[in-house]
């Protein structure tokens, strides 16, 4: 479903602020894979997701989604292929619009605009059914303004909007990092339900090693712009934080230095 081949990206090349963000990333993602992505600050996690989303052009390498080369396509031309949830709960929804209006916008992604009733009865029923999956009571508040929702509720709504029209790839960029632990757990539970229900191919960056081990069927760790660990199947099921740290030190030759991930 997704293949990255020898992806390189350097910011501010030739200046004192030069930063090699991606250094030959190779990654093949099968349809239905739920991959958790972990690594220290500056490892290249978010840069890799931005490369997949087409936020900016890569310096070298190719990106294929569902067998199609999208390397040269800007983000807006990949929008019908990709669903994305960002770290900030305020991003991804329109605060002054109602819940059902936000969902209607997401439902029309990639479709031609026509003159017709804004939201049909059939669509309202669909939105109610989808909201019930989140188990946050939002199905009874569909006419409430999104700006009145809590951060966790908005993030769960954004997740639903990103997947309402099934994307080829779902990108979750530390989508629970700004939430308190209890709310983050609720959003992660909702994420599991949505991903499993539609068998979504997913890349989820997390700063929490335990979450990276618990969720998904595959785990990759990045360091210095490269994928240095790729763990799946039974090996991932039996993994512990201590095992992960040991494998990191053996593979990279250094200690894992992200306090945020370790404390998490």
C-alpha atoms as a PDB file:
ATOM      1  CA  UNK A   1       0.000   0.000   0.000  1.00  0.00           C
ATOM      2  CA  UNK A   2       2.932   2.337   0.714  1.00  0.00           C
ATOM      3  CA  UNK A   3       6.561   2.105  -0.315  1.00  0.00           C
ATOM      4  CA  UNK A   4       9.361   4.555   0.432  1.00  0.00           C
ATOM      5  CA  UNK A   5      12.574   3.990  -1.509  1.00  0.00           C
ATOM      6  CA  UNK A   6      15.824   5.709  -0.500  1.00  0.00           C
ATOM      7  CA  UNK A   7      14.139   8.896   0.730  1.00  0.00           C
ATOM      8  CA  UNK A   8      16.476  11.816   1.508  1.00  0.00           C
ATOM      9  CA  UNK A   9      15.560  15.239   2.840  1.00  0.00           C
ATOM     10  CA  UNK A  10      17.899  17.994   4.043  1.00  0.00           C
ATOM     11  CA  UNK A  11      16.634  21.329   5.342  1.00  0.00           C
ATOM     12  CA  UNK A  12      18.626  24.554   4.795  1.00  0.00           C
ATOM     13  CA  UNK A  13      21.361  22.829   2.753  1.00  0.00           C
ATOM     14  CA  UNK A  14      24.669  24.634   2.519  1.00  0.00           C
ATOM     15  CA  UNK A  15      23.945  26.887   5.511  1.00  0.00           C
ATOM     16  CA  UNK A  16      24.963  26.890   9.159  1.00  0.00           C
ATOM     17  CA  UNK A  17      21.451  25.549   9.926  1.00  0.00           C
ATOM     18  CA  UNK A  18      21.748  22.532   7.614  1.00  0.00           C
ATOM     19  CA  UNK A  19      19.844  19.549   9.001  1.00  0.00           C
ATOM     20  CA  UNK A  20      19.760  16.086   7.460  1.00  0.00           C
ATOM     21  CA  UNK A  21      16.251  14.952   8.406  1.00  0.00           C
ATOM     22  CA  UNK A  22      15.898  11.800   6.286  1.00  0.00           C
ATOM     23  CA  UNK A  23      18.945   9.810   5.264  1.00  0.00           C
ATOM     24  CA  UNK A  24      17.967   7.002   2.911  1.00  0.00           C
ATOM     25  CA  UNK A  25      14.659   5.829   4.390  1.00  0.00           C
ATOM     26  CA  UNK A  26      13.361   2.537   2.994  1.00  0.00           C
ATOM     27  CA  UNK A  27       9.982   1.285   4.164  1.00  0.00           C
ATOM     28  CA  UNK A  28       7.425  -1.083   2.679  1.00  0.00           C
ATOM     29  CA  UNK A  29       3.958  -1.023   4.246  1.00  0.00           C
ATOM     30  CA  UNK A  30       1.466  -3.780   3.446  1.00  0.00           C
ATOM     31  CA  UNK A  31      -2.268  -3.162   3.198  1.00  0.00           C
ATOM     32  CA  UNK A  32      -3.825  -3.293   6.685  1.00  0.00           C
ATOM     33  CA  UNK A  33      -0.532  -2.748   8.535  1.00  0.00           C
ATOM     34  CA  UNK A  34      -0.881  -0.679  11.730  1.00  0.00           C
ATOM     35  CA  UNK A  35       2.654   0.549  12.326  1.00  0.00           C
ATOM     36  CA  UNK A  36       3.722   2.461  15.416  1.00  0.00           C
ATOM     37  CA  UNK A  37       6.723   4.748  14.877  1.00  0.00           C
ATOM     38  CA  UNK A  38       9.056   5.716  17.707  1.00  0.00           C
ATOM     39  CA  UNK A  39      12.399   7.490  18.053  1.00  0.00           C
ATOM     40  CA  UNK A  40      14.140  10.350  19.835  1.00  0.00           C
ATOM     41  CA  UNK A  41      13.809  14.044  19.008  1.00  0.00           C
ATOM     42  CA  UNK A  42      15.103  14.750  15.510  1.00  0.00           C
ATOM     43  CA  UNK A  43      15.006  11.086  14.499  1.00  0.00           C
ATOM     44  CA  UNK A  44      12.937  11.919  11.397  1.00  0.00           C
ATOM     45  CA  UNK A  45       9.508  10.591  12.427  1.00  0.00           C
ATOM     46  CA  UNK A  46       7.349  13.612  11.561  1.00  0.00           C
ATOM     47  CA  UNK A  47       9.558  14.430   8.577  1.00  0.00           C
ATOM     48  CA  UNK A  48       8.824  10.965   7.171  1.00  0.00           C
ATOM     49  CA  UNK A  49       5.062  11.471   7.615  1.00  0.00           C
ATOM     50  CA  UNK A  50       5.317  14.886   5.929  1.00  0.00           C
ATOM     51  CA  UNK A  51       7.142  13.230   3.031  1.00  0.00           C
ATOM     52  CA  UNK A  52       4.307  10.702   2.645  1.00  0.00           C
ATOM     53  CA  UNK A  53       1.716  13.490   2.837  1.00  0.00           C
ATOM     54  CA  UNK A  54       3.561  15.618   0.245  1.00  0.00           C
ATOM     55  CA  UNK A  55       4.029  18.654   2.488  1.00  0.00           C
ATOM     56  CA  UNK A  56       7.258  19.390   0.619  1.00  0.00           C
ATOM     57  CA  UNK A  57       9.288  17.656  -2.124  1.00  0.00           C
ATOM     58  CA  UNK A  58      11.939  15.104  -1.170  1.00  0.00           C
ATOM     59  CA  UNK A  59      15.523  15.573  -2.352  1.00  0.00           C
ATOM     60  CA  UNK A  60      15.969  12.016  -3.540  1.00  0.00           C
ATOM     61  CA  UNK A  61      14.049   8.745  -3.703  1.00  0.00           C
ATOM     62  CA  UNK A  62      10.489   7.740  -4.573  1.00  0.00           C
ATOM     63  CA  UNK A  63       7.133   7.319  -2.818  1.00  0.00           C
ATOM     64  CA  UNK A  64       4.421   4.949  -4.037  1.00  0.00           C
ATOM     65  CA  UNK A  65       0.885   4.697  -2.661  1.00  0.00           C
ATOM     66  CA  UNK A  66      -1.183   1.710  -3.788  1.00  0.00           C
ATOM     67  CA  UNK A  67       1.221   1.133  -6.684  1.00  0.00           C
ATOM     68  CA  UNK A  68       1.099   4.737  -7.939  1.00  0.00           C
ATOM     69  CA  UNK A  69       4.163   6.979  -7.888  1.00  0.00           C
ATOM     70  CA  UNK A  70       3.183  10.145  -6.000  1.00  0.00           C
ATOM     71  CA  UNK A  71       6.703  11.498  -5.464  1.00  0.00           C
ATOM     72  CA  UNK A  72       6.115  14.638  -7.502  1.00  0.00           C
ATOM     73  CA  UNK A  73       2.574  15.346  -6.300  1.00  0.00           C
ATOM     74  CA  UNK A  74       1.945  18.194  -3.801  1.00  0.00           C
ATOM     75  CA  UNK A  75      -0.114  17.563  -0.673  1.00  0.00           C
ATOM     76  CA  UNK A  76      -3.453  18.779  -2.087  1.00  0.00           C
ATOM     77  CA  UNK A  77      -3.190  16.246  -4.935  1.00  0.00           C
ATOM     78  CA  UNK A  78      -2.654  13.440  -2.405  1.00  0.00           C
ATOM     79  CA  UNK A  79      -5.530  14.549  -0.150  1.00  0.00           C
ATOM     80  CA  UNK A  80      -7.938  11.933  -1.544  1.00  0.00           C
ATOM     81  CA  UNK A  81      -5.414   9.184  -0.670  1.00  0.00           C
ATOM     82  CA  UNK A  82      -4.415  10.242   2.835  1.00  0.00           C
ATOM     83  CA  UNK A  83      -6.179  10.850   6.140  1.00  0.00           C
ATOM     84  CA  UNK A  84      -4.217  12.693   8.808  1.00  0.00           C
ATOM     85  CA  UNK A  85      -4.562  13.625  12.471  1.00  0.00           C
ATOM     86  CA  UNK A  86      -2.108  16.130  13.953  1.00  0.00           C
ATOM     87  CA  UNK A  87      -0.777  16.593  17.482  1.00  0.00           C
ATOM     88  CA  UNK A  88      -2.777  19.782  18.130  1.00  0.00           C
ATOM     89  CA  UNK A  89      -6.477  19.017  18.824  1.00  0.00           C
ATOM     90  CA  UNK A  90      -7.366  22.458  17.440  1.00  0.00           C
ATOM     91  CA  UNK A  91      -6.080  21.452  14.003  1.00  0.00           C
ATOM     92  CA  UNK A  92      -8.324  19.494  11.674  1.00  0.00           C
ATOM     93  CA  UNK A  93     -11.760  20.822  12.668  1.00  0.00           C
ATOM     94  CA  UNK A  94     -13.678  24.069  12.115  1.00  0.00           C
ATOM     95  CA  UNK A  95     -14.481  25.408  15.597  1.00  0.00           C
ATOM     96  CA  UNK A  96     -17.386  27.673  14.579  1.00  0.00           C
ATOM     97  CA  UNK A  97     -19.200  24.915  12.690  1.00  0.00           C
ATOM     98  CA  UNK A  98     -21.388  22.146  14.083  1.00  0.00           C
ATOM     99  CA  UNK A  99     -20.196  18.559  14.542  1.00  0.00           C
ATOM    100  CA  UNK A 100     -22.408  17.316  11.706  1.00  0.00           C
ATOM    101  CA  UNK A 101     -21.220  20.158   9.437  1.00  0.00           C
ATOM    102  CA  UNK A 102     -17.582  19.198  10.050  1.00  0.00           C
ATOM    103  CA  UNK A 103     -18.414  15.581   9.232  1.00  0.00           C
ATOM    104  CA  UNK A 104     -20.262  16.644   6.074  1.00  0.00           C
ATOM    105  CA  UNK A 105     -17.173  18.522   4.853  1.00  0.00           C
ATOM    106  CA  UNK A 106     -15.020  15.454   5.465  1.00  0.00           C
ATOM    107  CA  UNK A 107     -17.588  13.193   3.755  1.00  0.00           C
ATOM    108  CA  UNK A 108     -17.395  15.303   0.592  1.00  0.00           C
ATOM    109  CA  UNK A 109     -13.622  15.137   0.335  1.00  0.00           C
ATOM    110  CA  UNK A 110     -12.629  14.321  -3.235  1.00  0.00           C
ATOM    111  CA  UNK A 111     -16.200  14.665  -4.545  1.00  0.00           C
ATOM    112  CA  UNK A 112     -17.536  17.248  -7.005  1.00  0.00           C
ATOM    113  CA  UNK A 113     -19.345  20.219  -5.489  1.00  0.00           C
ATOM    114  CA  UNK A 114     -23.002  20.579  -6.455  1.00  0.00           C
ATOM    115  CA  UNK A 115     -26.041  22.672  -5.469  1.00  0.00           C
ATOM    116  CA  UNK A 116     -28.038  20.515  -3.059  1.00  0.00           C
ATOM    117  CA  UNK A 117     -29.169  20.313   0.553  1.00  0.00           C
ATOM    118  CA  UNK A 118     -26.234  20.643   2.918  1.00  0.00           C
ATOM    119  CA  UNK A 119     -26.749  17.448   4.932  1.00  0.00           C
ATOM    120  CA  UNK A 120     -29.260  14.762   4.001  1.00  0.00           C
ATOM    121  CA  UNK A 121     -31.213  12.621   6.465  1.00  0.00           C
ATOM    122  CA  UNK A 122     -29.265   9.566   5.267  1.00  0.00           C
ATOM    123  CA  UNK A 123     -25.961  11.325   5.963  1.00  0.00           C
ATOM    124  CA  UNK A 124     -27.088  12.359   9.438  1.00  0.00           C
ATOM    125  CA  UNK A 125     -27.886   8.730  10.219  1.00  0.00           C
ATOM    126  CA  UNK A 126     -24.454   7.670   8.956  1.00  0.00           C
ATOM    127  CA  UNK A 127     -22.719  10.331  11.069  1.00  0.00           C
ATOM    128  CA  UNK A 128     -24.650   9.230  14.160  1.00  0.00           C
ATOM    129  CA  UNK A 129     -23.580   5.595  13.622  1.00  0.00           C
ATOM    130  CA  UNK A 130     -19.937   6.610  13.191  1.00  0.00           C
ATOM    131  CA  UNK A 131     -19.979   8.842  16.279  1.00  0.00           C
ATOM    132  CA  UNK A 132     -21.409   6.015  18.380  1.00  0.00           C
ATOM    133  CA  UNK A 133     -18.198   4.043  17.739  1.00  0.00           C
ATOM    134  CA  UNK A 134     -16.244   6.673  19.701  1.00  0.00           C
ATOM    135  CA  UNK A 135     -18.418   6.150  22.819  1.00  0.00           C
ATOM    136  CA  UNK A 136     -18.096   9.822  23.785  1.00  0.00           C
ATOM    137  CA  UNK A 137     -21.772  10.765  23.548  1.00  0.00           C
ATOM    138  CA  UNK A 138     -21.179  13.006  20.540  1.00  0.00           C
ATOM    139  CA  UNK A 139     -23.948  11.288  18.569  1.00  0.00           C
ATOM    140  CA  UNK A 140     -26.430  13.164  20.789  1.00  0.00           C
ATOM    141  CA  UNK A 141     -24.707  16.528  20.229  1.00  0.00           C
ATOM    142  CA  UNK A 142     -24.405  16.676  16.449  1.00  0.00           C
ATOM    143  CA  UNK A 143     -25.614  20.273  16.249  1.00  0.00           C
ATOM    144  CA  UNK A 144     -23.174  21.492  18.934  1.00  0.00           C
ATOM    145  CA  UNK A 145     -20.356  23.809  17.835  1.00  0.00           C
ATOM    146  CA  UNK A 146     -17.031  21.981  17.690  1.00  0.00           C
ATOM    147  CA  UNK A 147     -15.378  24.838  19.603  1.00  0.00           C
ATOM    148  CA  UNK A 148     -17.367  23.767  22.681  1.00  0.00           C
ATOM    149  CA  UNK A 149     -15.810  20.284  22.744  1.00  0.00           C
ATOM    150  CA  UNK A 150     -12.878  19.229  24.916  1.00  0.00           C
ATOM    151  CA  UNK A 151      -9.461  18.561  23.371  1.00  0.00           C
ATOM    152  CA  UNK A 152      -9.992  14.803  23.510  1.00  0.00           C
ATOM    153  CA  UNK A 153     -13.434  15.034  21.911  1.00  0.00           C
ATOM    154  CA  UNK A 154     -12.074  17.219  19.117  1.00  0.00           C
ATOM    155  CA  UNK A 155      -9.200  14.838  18.497  1.00  0.00           C
ATOM    156  CA  UNK A 156     -11.573  11.862  18.338  1.00  0.00           C
ATOM    157  CA  UNK A 157     -13.790  13.824  15.921  1.00  0.00           C
ATOM    158  CA  UNK A 158     -10.758  14.675  13.773  1.00  0.00           C
ATOM    159  CA  UNK A 159      -9.889  10.964  13.677  1.00  0.00           C
ATOM    160  CA  UNK A 160     -13.394  10.177  12.483  1.00  0.00           C
ATOM    161  CA  UNK A 161     -13.247  12.927   9.852  1.00  0.00           C
ATOM    162  CA  UNK A 162      -9.895  11.626   8.565  1.00  0.00           C
ATOM    163  CA  UNK A 163     -11.362   8.147   8.063  1.00  0.00           C
ATOM    164  CA  UNK A 164     -14.987   8.889   7.098  1.00  0.00           C
ATOM    165  CA  UNK A 165     -14.027   8.368   3.461  1.00  0.00           C
ATOM    166  CA  UNK A 166     -11.623   5.423   3.714  1.00  0.00           C
ATOM    167  CA  UNK A 167      -8.112   6.693   2.938  1.00  0.00           C
ATOM    168  CA  UNK A 168      -5.364   4.570   1.417  1.00  0.00           C
ATOM    169  CA  UNK A 169      -3.087   5.658   4.296  1.00  0.00           C
ATOM    170  CA  UNK A 170      -3.914   7.040   7.748  1.00  0.00           C
ATOM    171  CA  UNK A 171      -1.182   9.199   9.326  1.00  0.00           C
ATOM    172  CA  UNK A 172      -1.323   9.847  13.081  1.00  0.00           C
ATOM    173  CA  UNK A 173       1.346  12.342  14.157  1.00  0.00           C
ATOM    174  CA  UNK A 174       1.532  12.022  17.980  1.00  0.00           C
ATOM    175  CA  UNK A 175      -2.232  12.576  18.013  1.00  0.00           C
ATOM    176  CA  UNK A 176      -2.513  11.931  21.777  1.00  0.00           C
ATOM    177  CA  UNK A 177       0.588  13.857  22.914  1.00  0.00           C
ATOM    178  CA  UNK A 178      -1.325  17.029  23.868  1.00  0.00           C
ATOM    179  CA  UNK A 179      -3.946  15.146  25.913  1.00  0.00           C
ATOM    180  CA  UNK A 180      -3.954  14.098  29.552  1.00  0.00           C
ATOM    181  CA  UNK A 181      -3.264  10.352  30.123  1.00  0.00           C
ATOM    182  CA  UNK A 182      -6.897   9.359  30.719  1.00  0.00           C
ATOM    183  CA  UNK A 183      -8.172  11.208  27.645  1.00  0.00           C
ATOM    184  CA  UNK A 184      -5.250   9.931  25.572  1.00  0.00           C
ATOM    185  CA  UNK A 185      -6.210   6.354  26.450  1.00  0.00           C
ATOM    186  CA  UNK A 186      -9.792   6.982  25.298  1.00  0.00           C
ATOM    187  CA  UNK A 187      -8.592   8.404  21.973  1.00  0.00           C
ATOM    188  CA  UNK A 188      -6.212   5.444  21.495  1.00  0.00           C
ATOM    189  CA  UNK A 189      -9.071   3.022  22.168  1.00  0.00           C
ATOM    190  CA  UNK A 190     -11.189   4.854  19.595  1.00  0.00           C
ATOM    191  CA  UNK A 191      -8.248   4.726  17.174  1.00  0.00           C
ATOM    192  CA  UNK A 192      -7.977   0.939  17.531  1.00  0.00           C
ATOM    193  CA  UNK A 193     -11.708   0.534  16.854  1.00  0.00           C
ATOM    194  CA  UNK A 194     -11.696   2.755  13.756  1.00  0.00           C
ATOM    195  CA  UNK A 195      -8.515   1.193  12.324  1.00  0.00           C
ATOM    196  CA  UNK A 196      -9.667  -2.385  12.889  1.00  0.00           C
ATOM    197  CA  UNK A 197     -13.223  -1.810  11.651  1.00  0.00           C
ATOM    198  CA  UNK A 198     -12.080  -0.571   8.235  1.00  0.00           C
ATOM    199  CA  UNK A 199      -8.725  -2.418   8.111  1.00  0.00           C
ATOM    200  CA  UNK A 200      -6.923   0.899   7.636  1.00  0.00           C
ATOM    201  CA  UNK A 201      -3.263   1.011   6.681  1.00  0.00           C
ATOM    202  CA  UNK A 202      -1.865   3.230   9.443  1.00  0.00           C
ATOM    203  CA  UNK A 203       1.353   4.924  10.543  1.00  0.00           C
ATOM    204  CA  UNK A 204       1.160   6.219  14.127  1.00  0.00           C
ATOM    205  CA  UNK A 205       3.970   8.248  15.668  1.00  0.00           C
ATOM    206  CA  UNK A 206       4.000   8.048  19.447  1.00  0.00           C
ATOM    207  CA  UNK A 207       6.345   9.313  22.169  1.00  0.00           C
ATOM    208  CA  UNK A 208       5.192   6.535  24.494  1.00  0.00           C
ATOM    209  CA  UNK A 209       7.121   3.259  24.232  1.00  0.00           C
ATOM    210  CA  UNK A 210       4.414   1.262  25.997  1.00  0.00           C
ATOM    211  CA  UNK A 211       1.784   2.524  23.536  1.00  0.00           C
ATOM    212  CA  UNK A 212       4.113   1.701  20.631  1.00  0.00           C
ATOM    213  CA  UNK A 213       4.399  -1.879  21.890  1.00  0.00           C
ATOM    214  CA  UNK A 214       0.720  -2.311  22.828  1.00  0.00           C
ATOM    215  CA  UNK A 215      -0.879  -0.970  19.650  1.00  0.00           C
ATOM    216  CA  UNK A 216      -0.554  -2.116  16.063  1.00  0.00           C
ATOM    217  CA  UNK A 217       0.928  -5.208  14.454  1.00  0.00           C
ATOM    218  CA  UNK A 218       4.320  -3.702  13.648  1.00  0.00           C
ATOM    219  CA  UNK A 219       6.789  -1.268  15.260  1.00  0.00           C
ATOM    220  CA  UNK A 220       9.586   0.707  13.656  1.00  0.00           C
ATOM    221  CA  UNK A 221      12.195   2.835  15.387  1.00  0.00           C
ATOM    222  CA  UNK A 222      13.987   5.698  13.685  1.00  0.00           C
ATOM    223  CA  UNK A 223      17.332   7.287  14.461  1.00  0.00           C
ATOM    224  CA  UNK A 224      19.267   9.966  12.572  1.00  0.00           C
ATOM    225  CA  UNK A 225      16.854   9.919   9.641  1.00  0.00           C
ATOM    226  CA  UNK A 226      16.828   6.157   9.123  1.00  0.00           C
ATOM    227  CA  UNK A 227      14.687   3.171  10.101  1.00  0.00           C
ATOM    228  CA  UNK A 228      16.948   1.134  12.374  1.00  0.00           C
ATOM    229  CA  UNK A 229      14.455  -1.350  13.855  1.00  0.00           C
ATOM    230  CA  UNK A 230      11.456  -3.083  12.282  1.00  0.00           C
ATOM    231  CA  UNK A 231       9.658  -5.503  14.606  1.00  0.00           C
ATOM    232  CA  UNK A 232       6.440  -7.414  13.878  1.00  0.00           C
ATOM    233  CA  UNK A 233       4.470 -10.567  14.570  1.00  0.00           C
ATOM    234  CA  UNK A 234       5.232 -12.678  17.644  1.00  0.00           C
ATOM    235  CA  UNK A 235       8.431 -10.728  18.308  1.00  0.00           C
ATOM    236  CA  UNK A 236       6.398  -7.534  18.767  1.00  0.00           C
ATOM    237  CA  UNK A 237       3.766  -9.248  20.927  1.00  0.00           C
ATOM    238  CA  UNK A 238       6.450 -10.425  23.364  1.00  0.00           C
ATOM    239  CA  UNK A 239       8.380  -7.128  23.342  1.00  0.00           C
ATOM    240  CA  UNK A 240       9.086  -5.131  26.514  1.00  0.00           C
ATOM    241  CA  UNK A 241      10.418  -1.592  26.921  1.00  0.00           C
ATOM    242  CA  UNK A 242      13.701  -3.055  28.179  1.00  0.00           C
ATOM    243  CA  UNK A 243      13.975  -5.282  25.076  1.00  0.00           C
ATOM    244  CA  UNK A 244      13.319  -2.297  22.841  1.00  0.00           C
ATOM    245  CA  UNK A 245      15.973  -0.171  24.546  1.00  0.00           C
ATOM    246  CA  UNK A 246      18.487  -3.012  24.315  1.00  0.00           C
ATOM    247  CA  UNK A 247      17.811  -3.549  20.603  1.00  0.00           C
ATOM    248  CA  UNK A 248      18.160   0.180  19.997  1.00  0.00           C
ATOM    249  CA  UNK A 249      21.566   0.326  21.721  1.00  0.00           C
ATOM    250  CA  UNK A 250      22.827  -2.740  19.834  1.00  0.00           C
ATOM    251  CA  UNK A 251      21.623  -1.471  16.445  1.00  0.00           C
ATOM    252  CA  UNK A 252      22.599   2.203  16.807  1.00  0.00           C
ATOM    253  CA  UNK A 253      25.624   1.847  19.091  1.00  0.00           C
ATOM    254  CA  UNK A 254      24.269   4.517  21.442  1.00  0.00           C
ATOM    255  CA  UNK A 255      21.832   4.982  24.313  1.00  0.00           C
ATOM    256  CA  UNK A 256      18.222   5.967  23.657  1.00  0.00           C
ATOM    257  CA  UNK A 257      18.057   9.619  24.698  1.00  0.00           C
ATOM    258  CA  UNK A 258      14.372  10.633  24.654  1.00  0.00           C
ATOM    259  CA  UNK A 259      13.269  11.382  28.221  1.00  0.00           C
ATOM    260  CA  UNK A 260       9.736  11.934  26.948  1.00  0.00           C
ATOM    261  CA  UNK A 261       9.521   8.410  25.552  1.00  0.00           C
ATOM    262  CA  UNK A 262      11.161   6.802  28.570  1.00  0.00           C
ATOM    263  CA  UNK A 263       8.996   8.624  31.113  1.00  0.00           C
ATOM    264  CA  UNK A 264       5.906   7.862  29.077  1.00  0.00           C
END
